[in-house]
Amino acid sequence: MRGRKAPEAIPKVARNAATKQSKKRLLRFARNDALENDNMKIIDTIPRMSTLVKMLKKEGKSIGFVPTMGYLHEGHLSLFKTAKKHTDLVVVSIFVNPIQFGPKEDIDKYPRDFKRDEELSRSAGVDVIFYPSEKDMYPENYKTFVFVEGLTETLCGISRPGHFKGVTTVVAKLFNIVRPDMAYFGQKDAQQAVIIKKMVKDLNMDIDVKVLGIVREKDGLAMSSRNVYLSPDERKDAAILYKSLTKAESLIKAGERETKKITKMMEETIQKTPTAKIDYISIVDTGNLKDVNVISGEILIALAVFIGKTRLIDNIIVKV
């Protein structure tokens, strides 16, 4: 990676905030299935990545692709391993995308540890890490963006205007560079997954998008790179997100169909946690992400909650 400054590891204070349980499980996850992939390539320029892709396509190789912003966790590794089963070669991108962060968001403190990511990727059987620079992805005078209308103005799009414009732009660029046959995303970012699928369909991209289930801690907290921001007490409090979701699911299974009653119960549950501040709780159609008043068919229960200063998201899909 000539000419690139290595990303800084996250501060010691933040590292200490991660639970010992999570660390042990992550290392065990990597070790149990370790494929000592000594031939893993690290490619840090778009021309080099394009050259490799052309060679692979010429050889008839299928490419599985997982776009990430790094600071990998078990959720990422599960995507890598699934891609490994279904395609000839797995490419993982690590790029903290500046245009999906708002002016008051956490891009400067977003956790980065490339050496750690490299080791975990290798252990999970990744063949190529694509690690482009911001200058390569967005050169001077860059003016082109991709925007999906209708799906981006709700849920996270309300409190994070412009976020999904940044997401779809970077993913479209990465798809054009890597030219994958299959791309893998996690259900934790449910709105993002719906938007990416719509972009792929509308732009006739010949890519099979797979969305895999949420990987959780033992107490139900959805795994996220941002969990490292939580203090030990906040980490305990963060379990309230999944607890409220499961209580909502139980209420629906018991016969409740009015969304107002369900979301009110969730609000009351979360508000009992002093460090929690609700951004939103919504029950929407899984296809168009529009609010539903009466539950029927397949619905998505989604929420965003601040635990201290850390914004966490989670969701479940319920069928009735």
Protein backbone atom coordinates (compact mmCIF):
# COMPACT_ATOMS: atom_id res chain seq x y z
CA MET A 1 0.00 0.00 0.00
CA ARG A 2 2.58 2.46 -1.12
CA GLY A 3 1.82 6.11 -0.47
CA ARG A 4 -1.00 5.33 1.94
CA LYS A 5 -1.01 6.26 5.58
CA ALA A 6 -2.10 3.26 7.61
CA PRO A 7 -5.38 3.83 9.46
CA GLU A 8 -5.00 4.58 13.13
CA ALA A 9 -6.18 1.99 15.60
CA ILE A 10 -9.06 3.11 17.79
CA PRO A 11 -8.09 4.81 21.04
CA LYS A 12 -7.26 2.62 24.02
CA VAL A 13 -10.26 3.93 25.96
CA ALA A 14 -12.62 2.82 23.21
CA ARG A 15 -10.94 -0.55 22.93
CA ASN A 16 -11.39 -1.13 26.63
CA ALA A 17 -15.10 -0.42 26.27
CA ALA A 18 -15.56 -3.51 24.08
CA THR A 19 -16.76 -6.48 26.08
CA LYS A 20 -14.38 -9.34 26.84
CA GLN A 21 -17.13 -11.69 25.75
CA SER A 22 -17.27 -10.18 22.26
CA LYS A 23 -13.49 -10.27 21.88
CA LYS A 24 -13.25 -13.92 22.88
CA ARG A 25 -16.08 -14.96 20.58
CA LEU A 26 -14.64 -13.05 17.63
CA LEU A 27 -11.24 -14.66 18.02
CA ARG A 28 -12.81 -18.09 18.43
CA PHE A 29 -14.98 -17.51 15.35
CA ALA A 30 -11.91 -16.63 13.29
CA ARG A 31 -9.77 -19.42 14.69
CA ASN A 32 -12.27 -22.27 14.37
CA ASP A 33 -12.67 -21.89 10.62
CA ALA A 34 -9.31 -20.31 9.88
CA LEU A 35 -8.36 -20.82 6.26
CA GLU A 36 -4.72 -19.79 6.25
CA ASN A 37 -5.16 -17.86 3.07
CA ASP A 38 -1.56 -16.78 2.51
CA ASN A 39 -2.41 -15.75 -1.05
CA MET A 40 -4.87 -13.05 -0.01
CA LYS A 41 -4.22 -9.91 -2.03
CA ILE A 42 -4.51 -6.32 -0.83
CA ILE A 43 -5.27 -3.97 -3.69
CA ASP A 44 -5.28 -0.24 -3.03
CA THR A 45 -5.95 1.34 -6.43
CA ILE A 46 -8.89 1.20 -8.82
CA PRO A 47 -6.77 0.40 -11.93
CA ARG A 48 -5.18 -2.61 -10.19
CA MET A 49 -8.57 -3.85 -9.03
CA SER A 50 -10.02 -3.43 -12.53
CA THR A 51 -7.11 -5.36 -14.05
CA LEU A 52 -7.61 -8.26 -11.66
CA VAL A 53 -11.37 -8.33 -12.30
CA LYS A 54 -10.82 -8.47 -16.07
CA MET A 55 -8.45 -11.41 -15.63
CA LEU A 56 -10.90 -13.25 -13.35
CA LYS A 57 -13.82 -12.69 -15.71
CA LYS A 58 -11.72 -13.95 -18.62
CA GLU A 59 -11.04 -17.12 -16.63
CA GLY A 60 -14.74 -17.56 -15.96
CA LYS A 61 -14.42 -17.04 -12.20
CA SER A 62 -17.43 -15.89 -10.17
CA ILE A 63 -16.93 -13.03 -7.71
CA GLY A 64 -18.65 -12.63 -4.36
CA PHE A 65 -18.42 -9.12 -2.93
CA VAL A 66 -18.91 -7.68 0.55
CA PRO A 67 -18.61 -3.88 0.89
CA THR A 68 -17.60 -2.75 4.39
CA MET A 69 -16.24 0.26 6.23
CA GLY A 70 -13.86 -1.93 8.20
CA TYR A 71 -13.48 -2.61 11.91
CA LEU A 72 -14.87 -6.05 11.18
CA HIS A 73 -16.98 -8.17 13.52
CA GLU A 74 -18.67 -11.57 13.44
CA GLY A 75 -21.50 -10.23 11.31
CA HIS A 76 -19.03 -9.32 8.56
CA LEU A 77 -17.25 -12.65 8.87
CA SER A 78 -20.51 -14.53 8.40
CA LEU A 79 -21.02 -12.67 5.11
CA PHE A 80 -17.48 -13.54 4.00
CA LYS A 81 -17.97 -17.22 4.76
CA THR A 82 -21.29 -17.38 2.94
CA ALA A 83 -19.77 -15.68 -0.10
CA LYS A 84 -16.94 -18.22 0.02
CA LYS A 85 -19.44 -21.08 -0.27
CA HIS A 86 -21.21 -19.65 -3.29
CA THR A 87 -18.51 -18.03 -5.43
CA ASP A 88 -15.01 -18.75 -6.70
CA LEU A 89 -13.40 -15.65 -5.24
CA VAL A 90 -14.38 -13.31 -2.39
CA VAL A 91 -13.60 -9.60 -2.55
CA VAL A 92 -14.06 -7.39 0.50
CA SER A 93 -13.83 -3.62 0.26
CA ILE A 94 -12.73 -1.54 3.24
CA PHE A 95 -13.53 2.12 2.73
CA VAL A 96 -14.90 4.62 5.25
CA ASN A 97 -17.13 6.52 2.87
CA PRO A 98 -17.08 10.25 3.68
CA ILE A 99 -20.15 11.21 1.67
CA GLN A 100 -22.53 9.10 3.75
CA PHE A 101 -21.65 10.97 6.95
CA GLY A 102 -23.39 14.18 7.91
CA PRO A 103 -21.48 17.28 9.09
CA LYS A 104 -22.10 16.47 12.78
CA GLU A 105 -21.57 12.71 12.53
CA ASP A 106 -18.73 10.47 13.63
CA ILE A 107 -16.48 9.98 10.60
CA ASP A 108 -13.36 11.26 12.39
CA LYS A 109 -13.76 8.86 15.31
CA TYR A 110 -15.15 5.95 13.30
CA PRO A 111 -13.10 2.91 14.43
CA ARG A 112 -10.26 1.91 12.13
CA ASP A 113 -7.74 -0.90 12.49
CA PHE A 114 -6.62 -2.20 9.12
CA LYS A 115 -4.14 -4.74 10.50
CA ARG A 116 -6.88 -6.33 12.56
CA ASP A 117 -9.24 -6.32 9.57
CA GLU A 118 -6.57 -7.91 7.41
CA GLU A 119 -6.04 -10.76 9.89
CA LEU A 120 -9.76 -11.43 10.31
CA SER A 121 -10.34 -11.34 6.55
CA ARG A 122 -7.55 -13.81 5.96
CA SER A 123 -8.89 -16.15 8.65
CA ALA A 124 -12.35 -16.09 7.01
CA GLY A 125 -10.98 -17.06 3.60
CA VAL A 126 -11.18 -13.69 1.85
CA ASP A 127 -9.22 -13.65 -1.41
CA VAL A 128 -8.92 -9.91 -2.03
CA ILE A 129 -9.19 -6.81 0.13
CA PHE A 130 -9.93 -3.75 -1.96
CA TYR A 131 -8.69 -0.78 0.05
CA PRO A 132 -9.03 2.37 -2.09
CA SER A 133 -8.17 5.88 -1.00
CA GLU A 134 -10.67 8.70 -0.78
CA LYS A 135 -8.73 10.48 -3.54
CA ASP A 136 -9.20 7.49 -5.85
CA MET A 137 -12.91 7.13 -5.12
CA TYR A 138 -13.72 10.83 -5.22
CA PRO A 139 -11.10 12.68 -7.28
CA GLU A 140 -11.05 16.45 -7.55
CA ASN A 141 -14.15 17.89 -9.21
CA TYR A 142 -16.20 14.73 -8.60
CA LYS A 143 -19.84 15.55 -9.44
CA THR A 144 -21.81 12.34 -9.97
CA PHE A 145 -24.18 10.77 -7.44
CA VAL A 146 -26.78 8.00 -7.33
CA PHE A 147 -30.05 8.58 -5.50
CA VAL A 148 -33.02 6.23 -5.01
CA GLU A 149 -36.26 8.14 -4.51
CA GLY A 150 -39.12 7.04 -2.30
CA LEU A 151 -37.20 4.64 -0.06
CA THR A 152 -34.61 7.02 1.36
CA GLU A 153 -36.80 9.69 2.97
CA THR A 154 -38.15 7.51 5.77
CA LEU A 155 -36.70 5.72 8.84
CA CYS A 156 -32.98 6.62 9.05
CA GLY A 157 -33.37 9.01 6.14
CA ILE A 158 -35.32 11.46 8.30
CA SER A 159 -32.57 12.11 10.84
CA ARG A 160 -29.71 11.47 8.41
CA PRO A 161 -30.56 13.47 5.27
CA GLY A 162 -28.19 12.68 2.42
CA HIS A 163 -26.92 9.50 4.06
CA PHE A 164 -28.41 7.07 1.56
CA LYS A 165 -27.34 9.22 -1.38
CA GLY A 166 -23.80 8.61 -0.15
CA VAL A 167 -24.44 4.90 0.34
CA THR A 168 -25.93 4.26 -3.09
CA THR A 169 -23.23 6.32 -4.78
CA VAL A 170 -20.34 4.45 -3.19
CA VAL A 171 -21.97 1.03 -3.65
CA ALA A 172 -22.70 1.76 -7.32
CA LYS A 173 -19.06 2.76 -7.81
CA LEU A 174 -17.80 -0.34 -6.02
CA PHE A 175 -20.12 -2.55 -8.07
CA ASN A 176 -18.72 -1.01 -11.26
CA ILE A 177 -15.14 -1.55 -10.11
CA VAL A 178 -15.44 -5.07 -8.65
CA ARG A 179 -18.16 -6.31 -11.07
CA PRO A 180 -19.42 -8.99 -8.68
CA ASP A 181 -21.78 -11.81 -9.54
CA MET A 182 -23.15 -11.80 -6.00
CA ALA A 183 -23.08 -9.11 -3.31
CA TYR A 184 -23.77 -9.71 0.38
CA PHE A 185 -25.34 -7.37 2.93
CA GLY A 186 -26.58 -7.74 6.50
CA GLN A 187 -30.21 -7.45 7.60
CA LYS A 188 -29.18 -5.10 10.44
CA ASP A 189 -29.08 -2.32 7.84
CA ALA A 190 -32.53 -3.31 6.56
CA GLN A 191 -33.36 0.00 4.88
CA GLN A 192 -30.01 0.05 3.14
CA ALA A 193 -30.59 -3.48 1.83
CA VAL A 194 -33.99 -2.57 0.36
CA ILE A 195 -32.51 0.54 -1.27
CA ILE A 196 -29.54 -1.34 -2.75
CA LYS A 197 -31.84 -4.00 -4.20
CA LYS A 198 -33.99 -1.29 -5.79
CA MET A 199 -30.94 0.45 -7.26
CA VAL A 200 -29.67 -2.82 -8.74
CA LYS A 201 -33.07 -3.55 -10.28
CA ASP A 202 -33.69 -0.06 -11.67
CA LEU A 203 -30.20 0.28 -13.16
CA ASN A 204 -30.23 -3.23 -14.65
CA MET A 205 -27.13 -4.28 -12.75
CA ASP A 206 -26.48 -7.97 -13.30
CA ILE A 207 -25.81 -8.67 -9.64
CA ASP A 208 -27.56 -11.06 -7.25
CA VAL A 209 -27.94 -9.22 -3.93
CA LYS A 210 -28.15 -11.46 -0.87
CA VAL A 211 -29.29 -10.19 2.53
CA LEU A 212 -28.27 -12.37 5.47
CA GLY A 213 -29.65 -12.45 8.99
CA ILE A 214 -28.45 -10.32 11.89
CA VAL A 215 -25.62 -11.74 14.00
CA ARG A 216 -26.20 -10.93 17.67
CA GLU A 217 -24.45 -10.99 21.00
CA LYS A 218 -25.79 -13.41 23.63
CA ASP A 219 -28.04 -10.70 25.08
CA GLY A 220 -29.45 -9.93 21.64
CA LEU A 221 -27.53 -6.76 20.79
CA ALA A 222 -26.96 -6.60 17.04
CA MET A 223 -23.28 -6.65 16.21
CA SER A 224 -22.01 -3.32 14.92
CA SER A 225 -18.67 -1.57 14.55
CA ARG A 226 -20.13 1.28 16.62
CA ASN A 227 -20.71 -0.96 19.65
CA VAL A 228 -17.09 -0.26 20.58
CA TYR A 229 -18.11 3.29 21.49
CA LEU A 230 -20.26 2.04 24.38
CA SER A 231 -19.04 2.19 27.96
CA PRO A 232 -19.55 -1.02 30.00
CA ASP A 233 -22.77 0.37 31.53
CA GLU A 234 -24.04 1.60 28.16
CA ARG A 235 -23.24 -1.77 26.66
CA LYS A 236 -25.58 -3.42 29.21
CA ASP A 237 -28.27 -0.83 28.51
CA ALA A 238 -28.02 -1.38 24.74
CA ALA A 239 -29.71 -4.77 25.10
CA ILE A 240 -32.98 -2.85 25.51
CA LEU A 241 -33.24 -2.43 21.71
CA TYR A 242 -33.63 -6.13 21.02
CA LYS A 243 -35.73 -6.62 24.14
CA SER A 244 -38.26 -4.08 22.86
CA LEU A 245 -38.31 -5.73 19.43
CA THR A 246 -38.97 -9.19 20.84
CA LYS A 247 -41.72 -7.84 23.09
CA ALA A 248 -43.33 -6.28 20.01
CA GLU A 249 -43.09 -9.58 18.15
CA SER A 250 -44.72 -11.39 21.09
CA LEU A 251 -47.52 -8.84 21.17
CA ILE A 252 -48.20 -9.39 17.47
CA LYS A 253 -48.15 -13.16 17.85
CA ALA A 254 -50.67 -12.76 20.67
CA GLY A 255 -53.02 -11.08 18.19
CA GLU A 256 -52.33 -7.34 18.42
CA ARG A 257 -52.56 -5.64 15.02
CA GLU A 258 -52.64 -1.89 15.80
CA THR A 259 -49.19 -0.42 15.24
CA LYS A 260 -49.79 2.53 17.59
CA LYS A 261 -50.28 0.21 20.54
CA ILE A 262 -47.19 -1.79 19.65
CA THR A 263 -44.91 1.22 19.19
CA LYS A 264 -46.24 2.78 22.42
CA MET A 265 -45.30 -0.37 24.32
CA MET A 266 -41.82 -0.27 22.76
CA GLU A 267 -41.39 3.39 23.70
CA GLU A 268 -42.39 2.71 27.30
CA THR A 269 -39.98 -0.24 27.47
CA ILE A 270 -37.01 1.75 26.13
CA GLN A 271 -37.73 4.86 28.18
CA LYS A 272 -37.15 2.86 31.36
CA THR A 273 -33.45 2.83 30.43
CA PRO A 274 -31.92 6.18 31.55
CA THR A 275 -29.16 6.27 28.92
CA ALA A 276 -31.58 5.61 26.03
CA LYS A 277 -33.02 8.31 23.78
CA ILE A 278 -35.31 7.23 20.95
CA ASP A 279 -34.65 8.55 17.45
CA TYR A 280 -37.50 6.61 15.87
CA ILE A 281 -39.61 3.47 16.15
CA SER A 282 -41.48 2.48 12.99
CA ILE A 283 -43.48 -0.43 11.66
CA VAL A 284 -43.36 -0.48 7.87
CA ASP A 285 -44.02 -2.67 4.85
CA THR A 286 -40.89 -4.66 4.00
CA GLY A 287 -41.18 -3.85 0.31
CA ASN A 288 -41.89 -0.13 0.06
CA LEU A 289 -40.91 0.90 3.64
CA LYS A 290 -44.17 2.80 4.07
CA ASP A 291 -45.77 3.03 7.50
CA VAL A 292 -48.58 0.59 8.19
CA ASN A 293 -51.46 1.29 10.58
CA VAL A 294 -52.77 -2.25 10.80
CA ILE A 295 -50.40 -5.17 10.64
CA SER A 296 -50.88 -7.76 7.89
CA GLY A 297 -48.56 -9.81 5.74
CA GLU A 298 -44.83 -9.18 6.23
CA ILE A 299 -43.73 -6.11 8.18
CA LEU A 300 -40.47 -4.62 9.38
CA ILE A 301 -40.21 -3.29 12.91
CA ALA A 302 -37.25 -0.90 12.90
CA LEU A 303 -35.79 1.47 15.44
CA ALA A 304 -32.88 3.80 16.07
CA VAL A 305 -31.93 4.63 19.64
CA PHE A 306 -29.13 6.66 21.16
CA ILE A 307 -27.44 4.90 24.05
CA GLY A 308 -25.48 7.77 25.55
CA LYS A 309 -23.97 9.45 22.48
CA THR A 310 -23.95 6.31 20.33
CA ARG A 311 -26.73 5.83 17.80
CA LEU A 312 -27.67 2.18 17.33
CA ILE A 313 -30.15 0.62 14.91
CA ASP A 314 -31.92 -2.73 14.92
CA ASN A 315 -34.93 -4.46 13.41
CA ILE A 316 -36.91 -7.64 13.04
CA ILE A 317 -39.19 -8.95 10.30
CA VAL A 318 -42.55 -10.37 11.37
CA LYS A 319 -45.01 -12.31 9.21
CA VAL A 320 -48.68 -12.66 10.10
